């Protein structure tokens, strides 16, 4: 009797979840080809609890697997998510060339150049075993400015200023953040 009750309970929960999702979906009709998609102010859905396995969601990819430069805007340690703005980060000759393309000072000061062509914010879950490192100056520790220290996710809420985030490198694997590393900039 218990296996049947467990299966019935699981089916009931699954059907309620599907019914709830069906009601909360906005109109998904695509815009005409000559117009950009409309941006609606719907509340962001709760991110699924991060797991150590691959994401099984059928939602579109927020960010492809790999390493990307970002500016972190929000850290939610309770939901284990980060919200960030994807940027372009250039060093050396690349920085000089890209700054010149944008009619900015070239070569740029301190030999790096940051471009942000899209204000879109993205939110991803952070795995429980993600490696998170910050520069010692941001972390408030004394010592070398180029030494990185490992911190827990909740600590980023304290370390990051509310108005400005230094660049971070975010590593994504199967739709989840597996590594966050602050980029030292002079």
C-alpha atoms as a PDB file:
ATOM      1  CA  UNK A   1       0.000   0.000   0.000  1.00  0.00           C
ATOM      2  CA  UNK A   2       2.809   2.455   0.775  1.00  0.00           C
ATOM      3  CA  UNK A   3       4.376   2.392  -2.734  1.00  0.00           C
ATOM      4  CA  UNK A   4       1.001   3.229  -4.297  1.00  0.00           C
ATOM      5  CA  UNK A   5       0.449   6.097  -1.851  1.00  0.00           C
ATOM      6  CA  UNK A   6       3.954   7.466  -2.590  1.00  0.00           C
ATOM      7  CA  UNK A   7       3.383   7.301  -6.332  1.00  0.00           C
ATOM      8  CA  UNK A   8      -0.033   8.956  -6.016  1.00  0.00           C
ATOM      9  CA  UNK A   9       1.443  11.735  -3.870  1.00  0.00           C
ATOM     10  CA  UNK A  10       4.273  12.314  -6.363  1.00  0.00           C
ATOM     11  CA  UNK A  11       1.794  12.492  -9.264  1.00  0.00           C
ATOM     12  CA  UNK A  12      -0.398  14.958  -7.366  1.00  0.00           C
ATOM     13  CA  UNK A  13       2.584  17.234  -6.628  1.00  0.00           C
ATOM     14  CA  UNK A  14       3.783  17.056 -10.233  1.00  0.00           C
ATOM     15  CA  UNK A  15       0.326  17.911 -11.610  1.00  0.00           C
ATOM     16  CA  UNK A  16      -0.004  20.872  -9.238  1.00  0.00           C
ATOM     17  CA  UNK A  17       3.418  22.139 -10.320  1.00  0.00           C
ATOM     18  CA  UNK A  18       2.502  21.865 -14.003  1.00  0.00           C
ATOM     19  CA  UNK A  19      -0.844  23.576 -13.440  1.00  0.00           C
ATOM     20  CA  UNK A  20       0.844  26.408 -11.531  1.00  0.00           C
ATOM     21  CA  UNK A  21       3.420  26.903 -14.289  1.00  0.00           C
ATOM     22  CA  UNK A  22       0.769  26.994 -16.984  1.00  0.00           C
ATOM     23  CA  UNK A  23      -1.101  29.829 -15.240  1.00  0.00           C
ATOM     24  CA  UNK A  24       1.952  32.009 -14.647  1.00  0.00           C
ATOM     25  CA  UNK A  25       3.322  32.001 -18.216  1.00  0.00           C
ATOM     26  CA  UNK A  26       2.950  35.335 -20.061  1.00  0.00           C
ATOM     27  CA  UNK A  27       1.882  35.535 -23.688  1.00  0.00           C
ATOM     28  CA  UNK A  28       4.734  34.023 -25.696  1.00  0.00           C
ATOM     29  CA  UNK A  29       3.806  35.287 -29.174  1.00  0.00           C
ATOM     30  CA  UNK A  30       6.931  36.414 -31.005  1.00  0.00           C
ATOM     31  CA  UNK A  31       7.213  40.039 -32.148  1.00  0.00           C
ATOM     32  CA  UNK A  32       7.324  40.857 -35.868  1.00  0.00           C
ATOM     33  CA  UNK A  33      10.733  40.236 -37.420  1.00  0.00           C
ATOM     34  CA  UNK A  34      11.415  43.956 -37.908  1.00  0.00           C
ATOM     35  CA  UNK A  35      10.862  44.828 -34.220  1.00  0.00           C
ATOM     36  CA  UNK A  36      12.962  43.918 -31.193  1.00  0.00           C
ATOM     37  CA  UNK A  37      11.258  41.755 -28.569  1.00  0.00           C
ATOM     38  CA  UNK A  38       9.273  43.707 -25.990  1.00  0.00           C
ATOM     39  CA  UNK A  39      10.565  43.841 -22.439  1.00  0.00           C
ATOM     40  CA  UNK A  40       7.921  43.225 -19.802  1.00  0.00           C
ATOM     41  CA  UNK A  41       8.164  43.969 -16.124  1.00  0.00           C
ATOM     42  CA  UNK A  42       7.164  40.580 -14.781  1.00  0.00           C
ATOM     43  CA  UNK A  43       8.655  39.430 -11.505  1.00  0.00           C
ATOM     44  CA  UNK A  44      11.598  37.092 -11.863  1.00  0.00           C
ATOM     45  CA  UNK A  45      10.743  33.461 -11.158  1.00  0.00           C
ATOM     46  CA  UNK A  46      12.394  31.834  -8.195  1.00  0.00           C
ATOM     47  CA  UNK A  47      15.568  30.100  -9.252  1.00  0.00           C
ATOM     48  CA  UNK A  48      15.632  26.362  -8.684  1.00  0.00           C
ATOM     49  CA  UNK A  49      17.731  25.131  -5.813  1.00  0.00           C
ATOM     50  CA  UNK A  50      21.216  24.482  -7.162  1.00  0.00           C
ATOM     51  CA  UNK A  51      22.361  20.927  -7.516  1.00  0.00           C
ATOM     52  CA  UNK A  52      25.693  19.415  -8.268  1.00  0.00           C
ATOM     53  CA  UNK A  53      24.382  17.719 -11.411  1.00  0.00           C
ATOM     54  CA  UNK A  54      23.396  19.152 -14.789  1.00  0.00           C
ATOM     55  CA  UNK A  55      20.423  21.482 -15.011  1.00  0.00           C
ATOM     56  CA  UNK A  56      17.344  19.741 -16.430  1.00  0.00           C
ATOM     57  CA  UNK A  57      15.241  22.827 -17.074  1.00  0.00           C
ATOM     58  CA  UNK A  58      13.747  23.423 -20.511  1.00  0.00           C
ATOM     59  CA  UNK A  59      14.230  27.167 -20.185  1.00  0.00           C
ATOM     60  CA  UNK A  60      16.551  28.976 -22.621  1.00  0.00           C
ATOM     61  CA  UNK A  61      20.238  29.092 -21.798  1.00  0.00           C
ATOM     62  CA  UNK A  62      21.032  32.190 -19.726  1.00  0.00           C
ATOM     63  CA  UNK A  63      24.753  31.964 -20.451  1.00  0.00           C
ATOM     64  CA  UNK A  64      26.714  29.377 -22.428  1.00  0.00           C
ATOM     65  CA  UNK A  65      29.108  27.061 -20.639  1.00  0.00           C
ATOM     66  CA  UNK A  66      32.537  28.601 -20.228  1.00  0.00           C
ATOM     67  CA  UNK A  67      34.299  31.545 -18.601  1.00  0.00           C
ATOM     68  CA  UNK A  68      32.836  35.056 -18.991  1.00  0.00           C
ATOM     69  CA  UNK A  69      33.652  38.563 -17.660  1.00  0.00           C
ATOM     70  CA  UNK A  70      30.797  40.097 -15.632  1.00  0.00           C
ATOM     71  CA  UNK A  71      29.895  42.776 -13.107  1.00  0.00           C
ATOM     72  CA  UNK A  72      27.899  41.300 -10.238  1.00  0.00           C
ATOM     73  CA  UNK A  73      24.817  43.334  -9.319  1.00  0.00           C
ATOM     74  CA  UNK A  74      23.100  41.138  -6.709  1.00  0.00           C
ATOM     75  CA  UNK A  75      24.041  38.171  -4.558  1.00  0.00           C
ATOM     76  CA  UNK A  76      21.285  36.146  -2.893  1.00  0.00           C
ATOM     77  CA  UNK A  77      22.991  33.710  -0.509  1.00  0.00           C
ATOM     78  CA  UNK A  78      19.675  32.217   0.689  1.00  0.00           C
ATOM     79  CA  UNK A  79      18.632  31.192  -2.831  1.00  0.00           C
ATOM     80  CA  UNK A  80      22.309  30.697  -3.829  1.00  0.00           C
ATOM     81  CA  UNK A  81      22.025  32.908  -6.917  1.00  0.00           C
ATOM     82  CA  UNK A  82      23.993  35.759  -8.463  1.00  0.00           C
ATOM     83  CA  UNK A  83      22.642  38.403 -10.798  1.00  0.00           C
ATOM     84  CA  UNK A  84      25.184  39.936 -13.137  1.00  0.00           C
ATOM     85  CA  UNK A  85      25.768  42.120 -16.181  1.00  0.00           C
ATOM     86  CA  UNK A  86      27.829  40.475 -18.933  1.00  0.00           C
ATOM     87  CA  UNK A  87      30.684  42.726 -20.107  1.00  0.00           C
ATOM     88  CA  UNK A  88      33.601  42.627 -22.532  1.00  0.00           C
ATOM     89  CA  UNK A  89      37.060  42.826 -20.937  1.00  0.00           C
ATOM     90  CA  UNK A  90      40.243  43.521 -22.916  1.00  0.00           C
ATOM     91  CA  UNK A  91      43.953  43.667 -22.022  1.00  0.00           C
ATOM     92  CA  UNK A  92      47.026  45.045 -23.796  1.00  0.00           C
ATOM     93  CA  UNK A  93      46.880  45.427 -27.569  1.00  0.00           C
ATOM     94  CA  UNK A  94      43.280  44.206 -27.626  1.00  0.00           C
ATOM     95  CA  UNK A  95      42.339  46.944 -25.128  1.00  0.00           C
ATOM     96  CA  UNK A  96      44.047  49.587 -27.261  1.00  0.00           C
ATOM     97  CA  UNK A  97      42.282  48.433 -30.440  1.00  0.00           C
ATOM     98  CA  UNK A  98      38.815  48.111 -28.840  1.00  0.00           C
ATOM     99  CA  UNK A  99      39.039  51.474 -27.040  1.00  0.00           C
ATOM    100  CA  UNK A 100      39.985  53.123 -30.342  1.00  0.00           C
ATOM    101  CA  UNK A 101      36.951  51.502 -32.023  1.00  0.00           C
ATOM    102  CA  UNK A 102      34.749  53.106 -29.356  1.00  0.00           C
ATOM    103  CA  UNK A 103      36.511  56.501 -29.723  1.00  0.00           C
ATOM    104  CA  UNK A 104      37.839  56.264 -26.161  1.00  0.00           C
ATOM    105  CA  UNK A 105      41.313  57.035 -24.838  1.00  0.00           C
ATOM    106  CA  UNK A 106      43.715  54.725 -26.648  1.00  0.00           C
ATOM    107  CA  UNK A 107      45.823  53.179 -25.310  1.00  0.00           C
ATOM    108  CA  UNK A 108      43.535  53.026 -22.274  1.00  0.00           C
ATOM    109  CA  UNK A 109      44.798  53.789 -18.758  1.00  0.00           C
ATOM    110  CA  UNK A 110      46.277  50.808 -16.908  1.00  0.00           C
ATOM    111  CA  UNK A 111      46.288  48.737 -20.113  1.00  0.00           C
ATOM    112  CA  UNK A 112      42.718  47.381 -19.841  1.00  0.00           C
ATOM    113  CA  UNK A 113      39.390  48.353 -21.378  1.00  0.00           C
ATOM    114  CA  UNK A 114      35.842  47.350 -20.397  1.00  0.00           C
ATOM    115  CA  UNK A 115      32.907  47.566 -22.781  1.00  0.00           C
ATOM    116  CA  UNK A 116      29.293  47.011 -21.805  1.00  0.00           C
ATOM    117  CA  UNK A 117      27.056  46.891 -24.864  1.00  0.00           C
ATOM    118  CA  UNK A 118      23.987  45.345 -23.262  1.00  0.00           C
ATOM    119  CA  UNK A 119      22.391  46.298 -19.906  1.00  0.00           C
ATOM    120  CA  UNK A 120      20.553  42.945 -19.662  1.00  0.00           C
ATOM    121  CA  UNK A 121      20.910  41.340 -16.244  1.00  0.00           C
ATOM    122  CA  UNK A 122      21.115  37.574 -15.899  1.00  0.00           C
ATOM    123  CA  UNK A 123      20.597  35.398 -12.823  1.00  0.00           C
ATOM    124  CA  UNK A 124      22.122  31.966 -12.317  1.00  0.00           C
ATOM    125  CA  UNK A 125      22.242  29.495  -9.441  1.00  0.00           C
ATOM    126  CA  UNK A 126      25.595  28.939  -7.737  1.00  0.00           C
ATOM    127  CA  UNK A 127      26.575  25.352  -6.921  1.00  0.00           C
ATOM    128  CA  UNK A 128      27.270  24.543  -3.280  1.00  0.00           C
ATOM    129  CA  UNK A 129      30.865  23.621  -4.084  1.00  0.00           C
ATOM    130  CA  UNK A 130      31.571  26.672  -6.280  1.00  0.00           C
ATOM    131  CA  UNK A 131      34.968  28.289  -5.796  1.00  0.00           C
ATOM    132  CA  UNK A 132      34.594  32.007  -5.044  1.00  0.00           C
ATOM    133  CA  UNK A 133      37.696  34.197  -4.805  1.00  0.00           C
ATOM    134  CA  UNK A 134      38.112  37.911  -4.233  1.00  0.00           C
ATOM    135  CA  UNK A 135      41.079  40.213  -4.285  1.00  0.00           C
ATOM    136  CA  UNK A 136      42.561  40.896  -0.861  1.00  0.00           C
ATOM    137  CA  UNK A 137      41.910  44.648  -1.101  1.00  0.00           C
ATOM    138  CA  UNK A 138      38.198  44.142  -1.773  1.00  0.00           C
ATOM    139  CA  UNK A 139      38.010  41.588   1.001  1.00  0.00           C
ATOM    140  CA  UNK A 140      39.353  44.139   3.488  1.00  0.00           C
ATOM    141  CA  UNK A 141      42.438  42.140   4.326  1.00  0.00           C
ATOM    142  CA  UNK A 142      45.942  43.544   4.437  1.00  0.00           C
ATOM    143  CA  UNK A 143      48.616  42.191   2.184  1.00  0.00           C
ATOM    144  CA  UNK A 144      49.343  41.906  -1.484  1.00  0.00           C
ATOM    145  CA  UNK A 145      46.751  43.377  -3.841  1.00  0.00           C
ATOM    146  CA  UNK A 146      47.268  40.517  -6.261  1.00  0.00           C
ATOM    147  CA  UNK A 147      46.605  37.678  -3.827  1.00  0.00           C
ATOM    148  CA  UNK A 148      43.151  36.139  -4.079  1.00  0.00           C
ATOM    149  CA  UNK A 149      41.370  34.590  -1.124  1.00  0.00           C
ATOM    150  CA  UNK A 150      38.517  32.120  -1.135  1.00  0.00           C
ATOM    151  CA  UNK A 151      35.260  33.331   0.444  1.00  0.00           C
ATOM    152  CA  UNK A 152      31.761  31.896   0.917  1.00  0.00           C
ATOM    153  CA  UNK A 153      28.925  33.217  -1.252  1.00  0.00           C
ATOM    154  CA  UNK A 154      27.284  35.165   1.596  1.00  0.00           C
ATOM    155  CA  UNK A 155      30.501  37.154   2.061  1.00  0.00           C
ATOM    156  CA  UNK A 156      30.118  38.722  -1.398  1.00  0.00           C
ATOM    157  CA  UNK A 157      27.041  40.594  -0.168  1.00  0.00           C
ATOM    158  CA  UNK A 158      29.290  42.396   2.321  1.00  0.00           C
ATOM    159  CA  UNK A 159      32.331  42.842   0.097  1.00  0.00           C
ATOM    160  CA  UNK A 160      30.704  44.251  -3.026  1.00  0.00           C
ATOM    161  CA  UNK A 161      29.824  47.941  -2.964  1.00  0.00           C
ATOM    162  CA  UNK A 162      26.202  48.637  -3.802  1.00  0.00           C
ATOM    163  CA  UNK A 163      26.921  51.026  -6.664  1.00  0.00           C
ATOM    164  CA  UNK A 164      29.858  49.381  -8.405  1.00  0.00           C
ATOM    165  CA  UNK A 165      31.206  45.876  -8.858  1.00  0.00           C
ATOM    166  CA  UNK A 166      34.739  45.159  -9.922  1.00  0.00           C
ATOM    167  CA  UNK A 167      34.961  42.771 -12.854  1.00  0.00           C
ATOM    168  CA  UNK A 168      34.597  39.082 -12.045  1.00  0.00           C
ATOM    169  CA  UNK A 169      35.192  36.025 -14.178  1.00  0.00           C
ATOM    170  CA  UNK A 170      32.250  33.656 -13.916  1.00  0.00           C
ATOM    171  CA  UNK A 171      32.550  30.027 -14.993  1.00  0.00           C
ATOM    172  CA  UNK A 172      29.291  28.365 -16.017  1.00  0.00           C
ATOM    173  CA  UNK A 173      28.713  24.635 -16.383  1.00  0.00           C
ATOM    174  CA  UNK A 174      25.266  23.243 -17.304  1.00  0.00           C
ATOM    175  CA  UNK A 175      23.516  26.513 -16.453  1.00  0.00           C
ATOM    176  CA  UNK A 176      25.093  26.863 -13.004  1.00  0.00           C
ATOM    177  CA  UNK A 177      27.953  28.955 -11.664  1.00  0.00           C
ATOM    178  CA  UNK A 178      30.839  26.724 -10.612  1.00  0.00           C
ATOM    179  CA  UNK A 179      33.449  29.455 -10.137  1.00  0.00           C
ATOM    180  CA  UNK A 180      33.537  33.214  -9.443  1.00  0.00           C
ATOM    181  CA  UNK A 181      36.879  35.038  -9.443  1.00  0.00           C
ATOM    182  CA  UNK A 182      37.424  38.753  -9.017  1.00  0.00           C
ATOM    183  CA  UNK A 183      39.669  40.323 -11.651  1.00  0.00           C
ATOM    184  CA  UNK A 184      42.368  42.514 -10.155  1.00  0.00           C
ATOM    185  CA  UNK A 185      42.529  45.886 -11.876  1.00  0.00           C
ATOM    186  CA  UNK A 186      44.940  48.663 -10.878  1.00  0.00           C
END
